[in-house]
N, C-alpha and C. Protein backbone atom coordinates (compact mmCIF):
# COMPACT_ATOMS: atom_id res chain seq x y z
N MET A 1 -11.93 18.67 36.67
CA MET A 1 -11.08 18.76 35.90
C MET A 1 -11.11 17.22 35.25
N ARG A 2 -11.36 16.28 36.00
CA ARG A 2 -11.54 14.93 35.16
C ARG A 2 -12.70 14.95 33.91
N THR A 3 -13.76 15.46 34.34
CA THR A 3 -14.73 15.61 33.26
C THR A 3 -14.28 16.42 32.24
N ARG A 4 -13.51 17.44 32.29
CA ARG A 4 -13.12 18.24 31.15
C ARG A 4 -12.18 17.41 30.55
N ARG A 5 -11.36 16.69 31.06
CA ARG A 5 -10.28 15.87 30.29
C ARG A 5 -10.98 14.62 29.51
N ARG A 6 -12.04 14.13 30.28
CA ARG A 6 -12.62 13.01 29.67
C ARG A 6 -13.49 13.30 28.39
N SER A 7 -13.96 14.53 28.51
CA SER A 7 -14.96 15.10 27.39
C SER A 7 -13.95 15.47 26.34
N TYR A 8 -12.77 15.94 26.53
CA TYR A 8 -11.80 16.24 25.54
C TYR A 8 -11.30 15.12 24.56
N TRP A 9 -10.96 13.95 25.45
CA TRP A 9 -10.61 12.86 24.81
C TRP A 9 -11.90 12.10 24.05
N ARG A 10 -13.13 12.28 24.56
CA ARG A 10 -14.26 11.85 23.88
C ARG A 10 -14.35 12.43 22.45
N SER A 11 -14.03 13.66 22.60
CA SER A 11 -14.29 14.68 21.46
C SER A 11 -13.16 14.13 20.39
N VAL A 12 -11.93 14.02 20.91
CA VAL A 12 -10.96 13.42 19.85
C VAL A 12 -11.13 12.03 19.33
N TYR A 13 -11.43 11.09 20.04
CA TYR A 13 -11.87 9.85 19.69
C TYR A 13 -12.97 9.72 18.77
N ARG A 14 -13.97 10.54 19.03
CA ARG A 14 -15.34 10.72 18.10
C ARG A 14 -14.85 11.05 16.71
N HIS A 15 -14.05 12.10 16.68
CA HIS A 15 -13.68 12.71 15.44
C HIS A 15 -12.52 11.92 14.55
N CYS A 16 -11.81 11.05 15.27
CA CYS A 16 -10.66 10.32 14.76
C CYS A 16 -11.18 9.06 14.05
N LEU A 17 -10.76 9.28 12.68
CA LEU A 17 -10.94 7.90 11.78
C LEU A 17 -10.05 6.87 12.03
N VAL A 18 -8.90 7.12 12.16
CA VAL A 18 -7.59 6.29 12.28
C VAL A 18 -6.87 6.60 13.55
N ASP A 19 -6.76 5.55 14.41
CA ASP A 19 -5.77 5.70 15.55
C ASP A 19 -4.46 5.17 15.02
N GLN A 20 -3.31 6.03 15.23
CA GLN A 20 -2.11 5.88 14.57
C GLN A 20 -1.13 5.57 15.68
N LEU A 21 -0.40 4.47 15.74
CA LEU A 21 0.59 4.23 16.64
C LEU A 21 2.02 4.24 16.05
N ARG A 22 2.81 4.63 16.85
CA ARG A 22 4.33 4.70 16.27
C ARG A 22 5.21 4.25 17.45
N HIS A 23 6.39 3.27 16.98
CA HIS A 23 7.26 2.97 18.08
C HIS A 23 8.39 4.04 18.07
N PHE A 24 8.56 4.64 19.23
CA PHE A 24 9.48 5.66 19.37
C PHE A 24 10.11 5.24 20.82
N ASN A 25 11.72 5.29 20.75
CA ASN A 25 12.50 4.79 21.62
C ASN A 25 12.04 3.68 22.47
N GLY A 26 11.32 2.55 21.83
CA GLY A 26 10.96 1.34 22.59
C GLY A 26 9.77 1.54 22.93
N GLU A 27 9.05 2.74 23.00
CA GLU A 27 7.74 2.88 23.58
C GLU A 27 6.71 3.10 22.45
N GLN A 28 5.36 2.74 22.78
CA GLN A 28 4.45 2.96 21.71
C GLN A 28 3.79 4.16 22.23
N ARG A 29 3.73 5.04 21.36
CA ARG A 29 2.99 6.50 21.68
C ARG A 29 1.90 6.88 20.60
N CYS A 30 0.84 7.22 21.03
CA CYS A 30 -0.19 7.47 19.98
C CYS A 30 -0.06 8.94 19.32
N LEU A 31 -0.01 8.93 18.10
CA LEU A 31 0.36 10.23 17.38
C LEU A 31 -1.06 10.87 17.53
N GLN A 32 -0.80 12.37 17.33
CA GLN A 32 -2.00 13.08 17.41
C GLN A 32 -2.68 12.73 16.12
N CYS A 33 -4.13 12.70 16.34
CA CYS A 33 -5.18 12.22 15.29
C CYS A 33 -4.86 13.27 14.12
N GLN A 34 -5.03 12.59 13.07
CA GLN A 34 -4.93 13.39 11.84
C GLN A 34 -6.29 14.22 11.41
N TYR A 35 -7.27 13.74 12.10
CA TYR A 35 -8.50 14.33 11.65
C TYR A 35 -9.04 15.34 13.00
N GLU A 36 -8.16 15.78 13.68
CA GLU A 36 -8.43 16.56 14.76
C GLU A 36 -8.85 18.05 14.35
N HIS A 37 -8.45 18.24 13.10
CA HIS A 37 -9.16 19.73 12.33
C HIS A 37 -10.56 19.92 12.40
N LEU A 38 -11.22 18.61 12.52
CA LEU A 38 -12.75 18.67 12.47
C LEU A 38 -13.18 19.48 13.54
N TRP A 39 -12.66 19.24 14.93
CA TRP A 39 -13.10 19.99 15.95
C TRP A 39 -12.35 21.12 16.21
N ARG A 40 -11.22 21.31 15.76
CA ARG A 40 -10.34 22.78 15.80
C ARG A 40 -10.41 23.54 14.72
N ARG A 41 -11.30 23.14 13.68
CA ARG A 41 -11.42 24.03 12.45
C ARG A 41 -10.21 24.15 11.68
N ARG A 42 -9.35 23.21 11.54
CA ARG A 42 -8.06 23.26 10.69
C ARG A 42 -8.52 23.11 9.33
N PRO A 43 -7.75 23.50 8.41
CA PRO A 43 -7.71 23.35 6.99
C PRO A 43 -7.96 21.85 6.42
N PHE A 44 -8.50 21.60 5.54
CA PHE A 44 -8.79 20.05 5.06
C PHE A 44 -8.51 20.08 3.52
N PRO A 45 -7.85 19.16 3.05
CA PRO A 45 -7.12 17.92 3.55
C PRO A 45 -5.76 18.44 4.08
N MET A 46 -5.32 17.58 5.17
CA MET A 46 -4.04 17.88 5.89
C MET A 46 -2.96 16.75 5.14
N PRO A 47 -1.79 17.01 5.35
CA PRO A 47 -0.75 16.27 4.85
C PRO A 47 -0.97 14.94 5.36
N PRO A 48 -0.47 13.75 4.74
CA PRO A 48 0.49 13.80 3.65
C PRO A 48 -0.44 13.93 2.23
N SER A 49 -1.70 13.57 2.34
CA SER A 49 -2.51 13.83 1.14
C SER A 49 -2.91 15.42 0.91
N THR A 50 -2.62 15.91 -0.09
CA THR A 50 -2.97 17.13 -0.53
C THR A 50 -4.00 17.28 -1.71
N THR A 51 -4.57 16.24 -2.12
CA THR A 51 -5.52 16.23 -3.07
C THR A 51 -7.10 16.35 -2.37
N LEU A 52 -7.79 15.66 -2.90
CA LEU A 52 -9.12 15.52 -2.66
C LEU A 52 -9.27 14.78 -1.08
N PRO A 53 -10.26 15.27 -0.27
CA PRO A 53 -10.29 14.66 1.03
C PRO A 53 -10.33 13.19 1.17
N ASN A 54 -11.02 12.59 0.29
CA ASN A 54 -11.20 11.13 0.26
C ASN A 54 -9.96 10.49 -0.34
N GLN A 55 -8.93 11.17 -0.74
CA GLN A 55 -7.89 10.39 -1.54
C GLN A 55 -6.63 10.30 -0.34
N PRO A 56 -6.23 9.06 -0.46
CA PRO A 56 -5.03 8.94 0.52
C PRO A 56 -3.59 9.27 0.07
N GLY A 57 -2.75 9.52 0.98
CA GLY A 57 -1.15 9.89 0.70
C GLY A 57 -0.40 9.06 1.48
N PHE A 58 0.74 8.95 0.87
CA PHE A 58 1.75 7.91 1.61
C PHE A 58 3.23 8.66 1.69
N VAL A 59 4.05 8.63 2.72
CA VAL A 59 5.16 9.32 2.54
C VAL A 59 6.38 8.30 3.05
N PHE A 60 7.41 8.01 2.15
CA PHE A 60 8.43 7.08 2.21
C PHE A 60 9.73 8.01 2.71
N ASP A 61 10.19 7.70 3.82
CA ASP A 61 11.47 8.53 4.13
C ASP A 61 12.42 7.33 4.87
N PHE A 62 13.57 7.15 4.17
CA PHE A 62 14.29 6.10 4.83
C PHE A 62 15.85 5.99 3.97
N PHE A 63 16.70 5.34 4.72
CA PHE A 63 18.03 5.32 4.31
C PHE A 63 18.47 3.86 3.71
N VAL A 64 19.24 3.63 2.51
CA VAL A 64 19.82 2.44 2.00
C VAL A 64 21.39 2.61 2.17
N ALA A 65 22.00 1.50 2.70
CA ALA A 65 23.39 1.70 2.83
C ALA A 65 23.95 1.30 1.26
N THR A 66 25.09 1.77 0.87
CA THR A 66 25.76 1.50 -0.37
C THR A 66 26.09 0.11 -0.48
N GLY A 67 25.66 -0.33 -1.65
CA GLY A 67 25.96 -1.86 -1.88
C GLY A 67 24.62 -2.91 -1.61
N ASP A 68 23.43 -2.21 -0.89
CA ASP A 68 22.14 -2.90 -0.79
C ASP A 68 21.41 -2.49 -1.83
N ILE A 69 21.63 -1.84 -2.84
CA ILE A 69 20.59 -1.36 -3.91
C ILE A 69 21.41 -1.00 -5.19
N ASP A 70 21.06 -1.39 -6.33
CA ASP A 70 21.72 -0.91 -7.58
C ASP A 70 21.13 0.26 -7.78
N PRO A 71 22.26 1.44 -8.05
CA PRO A 71 21.51 2.61 -8.38
C PRO A 71 21.30 2.79 -9.93
N LEU A 72 21.50 1.86 -10.68
CA LEU A 72 21.09 1.76 -12.28
C LEU A 72 19.77 1.10 -12.32
N ALA A 73 19.19 0.60 -11.19
CA ALA A 73 17.97 -0.21 -11.36
C ALA A 73 16.69 0.97 -11.21
N ASP A 74 15.55 0.43 -11.75
CA ASP A 74 14.27 1.19 -11.45
C ASP A 74 13.91 0.62 -9.99
N VAL A 75 13.07 1.73 -9.64
CA VAL A 75 12.12 1.72 -8.39
C VAL A 75 10.61 1.41 -8.65
N PHE A 76 10.13 0.54 -7.89
CA PHE A 76 8.59 0.38 -8.22
C PHE A 76 7.72 0.73 -7.14
N PHE A 77 6.75 1.47 -7.39
CA PHE A 77 5.55 1.68 -6.22
C PHE A 77 4.57 0.75 -6.49
N ASN A 78 4.59 -0.25 -5.63
CA ASN A 78 3.78 -1.37 -5.81
C ASN A 78 2.43 -1.12 -4.72
N LEU A 79 1.23 -1.54 -5.20
CA LEU A 79 0.01 -1.31 -4.28
C LEU A 79 -0.95 -2.43 -4.60
N ILE A 80 -1.83 -2.71 -3.60
CA ILE A 80 -2.96 -3.59 -3.88
C ILE A 80 -4.18 -2.79 -3.41
N PHE A 81 -5.12 -2.53 -4.03
CA PHE A 81 -6.23 -1.63 -3.76
C PHE A 81 -7.46 -2.12 -4.18
N GLY A 82 -8.48 -1.71 -3.74
CA GLY A 82 -9.83 -1.92 -4.56
C GLY A 82 -10.61 -0.63 -4.89
N ASP A 83 -11.22 -0.74 -5.82
CA ASP A 83 -11.66 -1.81 -6.59
C ASP A 83 -11.42 -1.70 -7.99
N TYR A 84 -11.84 -2.74 -8.99
CA TYR A 84 -11.77 -2.72 -10.00
C TYR A 84 -12.16 -1.47 -10.88
N ASP A 85 -13.28 -0.99 -10.60
CA ASP A 85 -13.84 0.13 -11.46
C ASP A 85 -13.23 1.57 -11.24
N VAL A 86 -11.92 1.59 -10.53
CA VAL A 86 -11.29 3.00 -10.03
C VAL A 86 -10.71 3.48 -11.47
N VAL A 87 -11.69 4.18 -12.15
CA VAL A 87 -11.10 4.86 -13.65
C VAL A 87 -11.39 6.42 -13.59
N PRO A 88 -10.49 7.20 -13.78
CA PRO A 88 -9.11 7.09 -13.79
C PRO A 88 -8.35 6.92 -12.30
N ALA A 89 -7.33 6.17 -12.41
CA ALA A 89 -6.60 6.18 -11.18
C ALA A 89 -5.10 6.65 -11.63
N GLY A 90 -4.60 7.65 -10.88
CA GLY A 90 -3.16 7.93 -11.16
C GLY A 90 -2.53 8.49 -9.69
N LEU A 91 -1.19 8.77 -9.89
CA LEU A 91 -0.33 9.04 -8.54
C LEU A 91 0.36 10.35 -8.90
N GLY A 92 0.37 11.19 -8.00
CA GLY A 92 1.13 12.20 -7.97
C GLY A 92 2.25 12.06 -6.88
N PHE A 93 3.36 12.38 -7.53
CA PHE A 93 4.72 12.22 -6.48
C PHE A 93 5.30 13.48 -6.28
N ILE A 94 6.04 13.57 -4.96
CA ILE A 94 6.72 14.64 -4.75
C ILE A 94 7.96 14.16 -4.24
N ARG A 95 9.22 14.79 -4.83
CA ARG A 95 10.56 14.24 -4.54
C ARG A 95 11.17 14.99 -3.25
N ALA A 96 12.29 14.57 -2.76
CA ALA A 96 12.79 15.22 -1.64
C ALA A 96 13.11 16.54 -2.01
N ASP A 97 13.32 16.91 -3.12
CA ASP A 97 13.75 18.36 -3.38
C ASP A 97 12.49 19.23 -3.76
N GLY A 98 11.26 18.65 -3.45
CA GLY A 98 9.99 19.30 -3.65
C GLY A 98 9.39 19.43 -5.06
N SER A 99 10.04 18.98 -6.02
CA SER A 99 9.70 18.79 -7.36
C SER A 99 8.66 17.83 -7.57
N THR A 100 7.49 18.15 -8.33
CA THR A 100 6.58 16.99 -8.36
C THR A 100 6.48 16.50 -9.92
N PHE A 101 5.85 15.30 -9.98
CA PHE A 101 5.54 14.60 -11.15
C PHE A 101 4.29 13.59 -11.13
N ALA A 102 3.52 13.38 -12.13
CA ALA A 102 2.47 12.54 -12.19
C ALA A 102 2.72 11.34 -12.86
N GLN A 103 2.11 10.20 -12.70
CA GLN A 103 2.15 8.85 -13.30
C GLN A 103 0.96 8.11 -13.29
N ALA A 104 0.70 7.24 -14.37
CA ALA A 104 -0.39 6.41 -14.23
C ALA A 104 0.01 5.23 -13.86
N LEU A 105 -0.99 4.30 -13.36
CA LEU A 105 -0.71 3.18 -12.94
C LEU A 105 -0.82 2.06 -13.78
N THR A 106 0.09 0.83 -13.67
CA THR A 106 -0.05 -0.26 -14.59
C THR A 106 -0.96 -1.34 -13.57
N VAL A 107 -2.14 -1.48 -14.11
CA VAL A 107 -3.21 -2.32 -13.42
C VAL A 107 -3.64 -3.54 -14.03
N GLN A 108 -4.22 -4.31 -13.39
CA GLN A 108 -4.75 -5.67 -13.75
C GLN A 108 -6.04 -5.35 -14.70
N ALA A 109 -6.26 -6.21 -15.66
CA ALA A 109 -7.38 -6.10 -16.41
C ALA A 109 -8.72 -6.22 -15.60
N PRO A 110 -9.66 -5.40 -15.82
CA PRO A 110 -10.85 -5.37 -14.92
C PRO A 110 -11.55 -6.80 -14.98
N THR A 111 -12.22 -7.33 -14.14
CA THR A 111 -12.95 -8.50 -14.35
C THR A 111 -14.35 -8.44 -13.64
N ALA A 112 -14.50 -7.70 -12.37
CA ALA A 112 -15.61 -7.55 -11.67
C ALA A 112 -15.56 -6.21 -10.74
N ASP A 113 -16.72 -5.67 -10.54
CA ASP A 113 -16.56 -4.53 -9.57
C ASP A 113 -16.45 -5.17 -8.31
N GLY A 114 -15.98 -4.42 -7.25
CA GLY A 114 -15.81 -4.65 -5.98
C GLY A 114 -14.71 -5.68 -5.73
N LEU A 115 -13.90 -6.04 -6.56
CA LEU A 115 -12.74 -6.87 -6.07
C LEU A 115 -11.40 -6.03 -6.08
N ILE A 116 -10.21 -6.54 -5.46
CA ILE A 116 -9.14 -5.78 -5.03
C ILE A 116 -8.34 -6.19 -6.25
N GLN A 117 -7.29 -5.32 -6.48
CA GLN A 117 -6.15 -5.64 -7.59
C GLN A 117 -4.91 -5.06 -7.43
N SER A 118 -3.74 -5.71 -8.05
CA SER A 118 -2.39 -5.05 -7.67
C SER A 118 -2.26 -4.24 -9.03
N ALA A 119 -1.35 -3.33 -8.75
CA ALA A 119 -0.86 -2.41 -9.77
C ALA A 119 0.48 -1.81 -9.21
N PHE A 120 1.26 -1.32 -10.29
CA PHE A 120 2.68 -0.65 -9.84
C PHE A 120 2.68 0.52 -10.87
N ALA A 121 3.70 1.47 -10.27
CA ALA A 121 4.17 2.49 -11.11
C ALA A 121 5.61 2.30 -11.23
N THR A 122 6.45 2.41 -12.30
CA THR A 122 7.66 2.49 -12.47
C THR A 122 8.44 3.81 -12.35
N LEU A 123 9.26 3.93 -11.43
CA LEU A 123 10.08 5.10 -11.07
C LEU A 123 11.46 4.91 -11.37
N ALA A 124 12.19 6.09 -11.66
CA ALA A 124 13.54 6.32 -11.98
C ALA A 124 14.29 6.18 -10.53
N PHE A 125 15.58 5.78 -10.43
CA PHE A 125 16.37 5.68 -9.17
C PHE A 125 16.44 7.15 -8.56
N ALA A 126 16.45 8.01 -9.39
CA ALA A 126 16.86 9.42 -8.88
C ALA A 126 15.36 10.13 -8.53
N ASP A 127 14.16 9.34 -8.87
CA ASP A 127 13.09 10.01 -8.37
C ASP A 127 12.72 9.74 -6.69
N VAL A 128 13.43 8.84 -6.34
CA VAL A 128 13.30 8.34 -5.11
C VAL A 128 14.52 8.80 -4.17
N PHE A 129 15.89 8.35 -4.76
CA PHE A 129 16.90 8.33 -4.00
C PHE A 129 17.86 9.64 -4.29
N THR A 130 18.74 10.22 -3.27
CA THR A 130 19.47 11.22 -3.53
C THR A 130 20.89 10.55 -2.56
N SER A 131 22.09 10.96 -3.07
CA SER A 131 23.16 10.37 -2.50
C SER A 131 23.46 10.95 -1.10
N ALA A 132 23.97 10.13 -0.22
CA ALA A 132 24.10 10.55 1.18
C ALA A 132 25.47 9.61 1.74
N LEU A 133 25.86 10.17 2.75
CA LEU A 133 27.05 9.43 3.19
C LEU A 133 26.88 8.11 3.65
N GLY A 134 27.56 7.22 3.01
CA GLY A 134 27.53 5.84 3.24
C GLY A 134 26.35 5.06 2.45
N GLY A 135 25.53 5.75 1.57
CA GLY A 135 24.64 5.11 0.86
C GLY A 135 23.70 6.19 0.27
N PHE A 136 22.36 5.93 0.22
CA PHE A 136 21.51 6.71 -0.39
C PHE A 136 20.23 7.03 0.46
N SER A 137 19.77 8.21 0.49
CA SER A 137 18.66 8.80 1.27
C SER A 137 17.47 8.65 0.34
N GLY A 138 16.59 7.73 0.88
CA GLY A 138 15.16 7.87 -0.12
C GLY A 138 14.14 8.54 0.56
N TYR A 139 13.45 9.21 -0.28
CA TYR A 139 12.29 9.91 0.15
C TYR A 139 11.20 10.11 -1.06
N LEU A 140 10.01 9.89 -0.73
CA LEU A 140 8.99 10.07 -1.68
C LEU A 140 7.71 10.20 -1.15
N ALA A 141 6.92 11.29 -1.57
CA ALA A 141 5.53 11.44 -0.98
C ALA A 141 4.78 11.22 -2.13
N VAL A 142 3.68 10.35 -1.71
CA VAL A 142 2.63 9.92 -3.05
C VAL A 142 1.21 10.20 -2.82
N ASN A 143 0.61 10.91 -3.56
CA ASN A 143 -0.89 11.12 -3.60
C ASN A 143 -1.71 10.24 -4.41
N PHE A 144 -2.47 9.28 -3.97
CA PHE A 144 -3.34 8.56 -4.83
C PHE A 144 -4.49 9.44 -5.33
N ASN A 145 -4.70 9.41 -6.53
CA ASN A 145 -5.76 10.24 -7.24
C ASN A 145 -6.75 9.36 -8.06
N ALA A 146 -8.02 9.42 -7.60
CA ALA A 146 -9.00 8.81 -8.15
C ALA A 146 -10.25 9.52 -8.04
N PRO A 147 -10.23 10.51 -8.78
CA PRO A 147 -11.27 11.72 -8.56
C PRO A 147 -12.98 11.04 -8.67
N ASN A 148 -13.14 10.01 -9.32
CA ASN A 148 -14.35 9.62 -9.38
C ASN A 148 -14.87 8.45 -8.73
N GLU A 149 -13.85 8.25 -7.63
CA GLU A 149 -14.20 7.04 -6.66
C GLU A 149 -14.45 7.69 -5.27
N PRO A 150 -15.49 7.32 -4.70
CA PRO A 150 -15.99 8.02 -3.28
C PRO A 150 -15.11 7.45 -2.14
N TYR A 151 -14.47 6.31 -2.37
CA TYR A 151 -13.58 5.80 -1.36
C TYR A 151 -12.83 4.59 -2.18
N THR A 152 -11.52 4.44 -1.57
CA THR A 152 -10.82 3.47 -2.14
C THR A 152 -10.06 2.35 -0.87
N ALA A 153 -9.96 1.28 -0.93
CA ALA A 153 -9.38 0.44 0.12
C ALA A 153 -8.04 0.12 -0.40
N PHE A 154 -7.20 -0.04 0.49
CA PHE A 154 -5.65 -0.38 0.40
C PHE A 154 -5.45 -1.71 1.09
N ASP A 155 -4.70 -2.66 0.46
CA ASP A 155 -4.09 -3.99 1.37
C ASP A 155 -2.73 -3.32 1.58
N PHE A 156 -1.92 -2.99 0.75
CA PHE A 156 -0.27 -2.37 1.30
C PHE A 156 -0.19 -1.72 0.05
N VAL A 157 0.83 -0.70 0.28
CA VAL A 157 1.90 -0.01 -0.65
C VAL A 157 3.34 -0.25 -0.34
N GLU A 158 4.16 -0.17 -1.19
CA GLU A 158 5.58 -0.31 -0.80
C GLU A 158 6.43 0.30 -1.90
N LEU A 159 7.73 0.42 -1.77
CA LEU A 159 8.75 0.79 -2.77
C LEU A 159 9.51 -0.37 -2.66
N ALA A 160 9.85 -1.02 -4.13
CA ALA A 160 10.58 -2.27 -4.14
C ALA A 160 11.34 -2.15 -5.42
N VAL A 161 12.30 -3.01 -5.61
CA VAL A 161 13.14 -3.21 -6.83
C VAL A 161 12.45 -4.25 -7.81
N THR A 162 11.38 -4.63 -7.53
CA THR A 162 10.87 -5.75 -8.65
C THR A 162 9.21 -5.29 -8.38
N PRO A 163 8.58 -5.14 -9.57
CA PRO A 163 7.14 -4.75 -9.73
C PRO A 163 6.42 -5.97 -9.19
N ILE A 164 5.23 -5.51 -8.74
CA ILE A 164 4.23 -6.57 -8.22
C ILE A 164 3.50 -7.10 -9.45
N SER A 165 3.13 -8.50 -9.29
CA SER A 165 2.61 -9.09 -10.35
C SER A 165 1.00 -8.66 -10.77
N VAL A 166 0.94 -8.34 -11.91
CA VAL A 166 -0.49 -7.89 -12.28
C VAL A 166 -1.34 -8.91 -12.99
N ASP A 167 -0.53 -9.94 -13.19
CA ASP A 167 -1.46 -11.14 -13.94
C ASP A 167 -1.75 -12.19 -12.64
N PRO A 168 -2.94 -12.09 -12.35
CA PRO A 168 -3.57 -12.94 -11.27
C PRO A 168 -3.22 -14.38 -11.87
N THR A 169 -2.76 -15.30 -10.66
CA THR A 169 -2.73 -16.67 -11.04
C THR A 169 -4.06 -17.47 -10.63
N PRO A 170 -4.76 -18.06 -11.56
CA PRO A 170 -5.79 -18.70 -11.17
C PRO A 170 -5.69 -19.67 -10.26
N VAL A 171 -6.56 -19.67 -9.25
CA VAL A 171 -6.77 -20.52 -8.20
C VAL A 171 -7.76 -21.67 -8.42
N PRO A 172 -7.38 -23.01 -8.51
CA PRO A 172 -8.48 -24.20 -8.81
C PRO A 172 -9.44 -24.18 -7.71
N GLU A 173 -10.75 -24.48 -8.11
CA GLU A 173 -11.87 -24.43 -7.49
C GLU A 173 -11.49 -25.73 -6.49
N PRO A 174 -12.51 -25.91 -5.26
CA PRO A 174 -12.24 -26.75 -4.20
C PRO A 174 -12.59 -28.05 -4.90
N GLY A 175 -13.48 -28.20 -5.86
CA GLY A 175 -13.99 -29.39 -6.43
C GLY A 175 -12.97 -30.06 -7.43
N THR A 176 -12.26 -29.19 -8.14
CA THR A 176 -11.23 -29.64 -8.92
C THR A 176 -10.00 -30.13 -7.88
N LEU A 177 -9.76 -29.34 -6.91
CA LEU A 177 -8.61 -29.87 -5.96
C LEU A 177 -9.03 -31.15 -5.58
N SER A 178 -10.06 -31.33 -5.08
CA SER A 178 -10.64 -32.81 -4.25
C SER A 178 -10.52 -33.77 -5.26
N LEU A 179 -10.94 -33.72 -6.72
CA LEU A 179 -10.63 -34.66 -7.69
C LEU A 179 -9.07 -34.86 -7.94
N LEU A 180 -8.51 -33.88 -7.96
CA LEU A 180 -6.95 -34.04 -8.08
C LEU A 180 -6.36 -34.88 -7.16
N ALA A 181 -6.74 -34.43 -5.77
CA ALA A 181 -6.17 -35.17 -4.51
C ALA A 181 -6.74 -36.55 -4.44
N ALA A 182 -8.07 -37.07 -5.04
CA ALA A 182 -8.23 -38.27 -4.93
C ALA A 182 -7.66 -39.07 -6.03
N GLY A 183 -7.54 -38.58 -7.11
CA GLY A 183 -6.74 -39.13 -8.37
C GLY A 183 -5.23 -39.47 -7.70
N LEU A 184 -4.65 -38.58 -7.03
CA LEU A 184 -3.17 -38.84 -6.98
C LEU A 184 -3.24 -39.88 -5.46
N LEU A 185 -4.04 -39.82 -4.79
CA LEU A 185 -4.30 -40.87 -3.74
C LEU A 185 -4.47 -42.40 -4.51
N GLY A 186 -5.26 -42.22 -5.28
CA GLY A 186 -5.50 -43.56 -6.05
C GLY A 186 -4.26 -44.09 -6.76
N LEU A 187 -3.51 -43.33 -7.39
CA LEU A 187 -2.32 -43.50 -7.79
C LEU A 187 -1.19 -44.23 -6.82
N ALA A 188 -1.14 -43.63 -5.79
CA ALA A 188 -0.30 -43.97 -4.44
C ALA A 188 -0.71 -45.15 -4.13
N ILE A 189 -1.94 -45.65 -3.92
CA ILE A 189 -2.35 -46.82 -3.37
C ILE A 189 -2.09 -47.90 -4.56
N ARG A 190 -2.42 -47.64 -5.64
CA ARG A 190 -2.04 -48.60 -6.84
C ARG A 190 -0.50 -48.93 -6.82
N ARG A 191 0.38 -47.90 -6.68
CA ARG A 191 1.76 -48.28 -6.77
C ARG A 191 2.02 -49.15 -5.71
N ARG A 192 1.58 -48.70 -4.36
CA ARG A 192 2.12 -49.48 -3.04
C ARG A 192 1.57 -51.03 -3.53
N ARG A 193 0.41 -51.18 -3.95
CA ARG A 193 0.12 -52.72 -4.24
C ARG A 193 0.89 -53.42 -5.09
N ARG A 194 1.37 -52.68 -6.21
CA ARG A 194 2.33 -53.34 -6.92
C ARG A 194 3.76 -53.75 -6.42
N ARG A 195 4.17 -53.04 -5.40
CA ARG A 195 5.24 -53.28 -4.90
C ARG A 195 5.21 -54.30 -3.80
N VAL A 196 3.95 -54.49 -3.17
CA VAL A 196 3.72 -55.44 -2.17
C VAL A 196 3.53 -56.86 -2.97
N ALA A 197 3.01 -56.91 -4.04
CA ALA A 197 2.83 -58.18 -4.78
C ALA A 197 4.06 -58.57 -5.50
């Protein structure tokens, strides 16, 4: 019996690409692997992504109390993903009532292949929220569609009331920073000598 159980779990872990953990009643419990269809011959792709097998999907299901969010404000689906040559890249959304709509991403201007970028999509409040007792029930399923891309990497995705910045802030090179620091140090030493004299 032990051998059979051990081979079963080896089979599961061999075919699982992602180990998912969820907190439930204060305990960590491993969710059933989303790729178990590989050895049970289940259909592919499986939810939440219903598009191509290599395209990710995200599901947001939450509650916001009245007064914690402005029902007249837009909602933004923000993400950071790689890489710059993802063209075309779009989003497919599924509302709580099951209706669907598609939207393009607002992305950074491309500079080089292989780099990550920030992007966002603007959504109406009603696309995400429905009225509920004491607040708003939020639900949105998102499919990321990049049909020409063999894979994409994600840093994070979120629903927010402000869009993520798509204008990257330039970071000074280390040489520039060291020259600036040396100049500031020189000014501080000069100022100190004047006070002493």
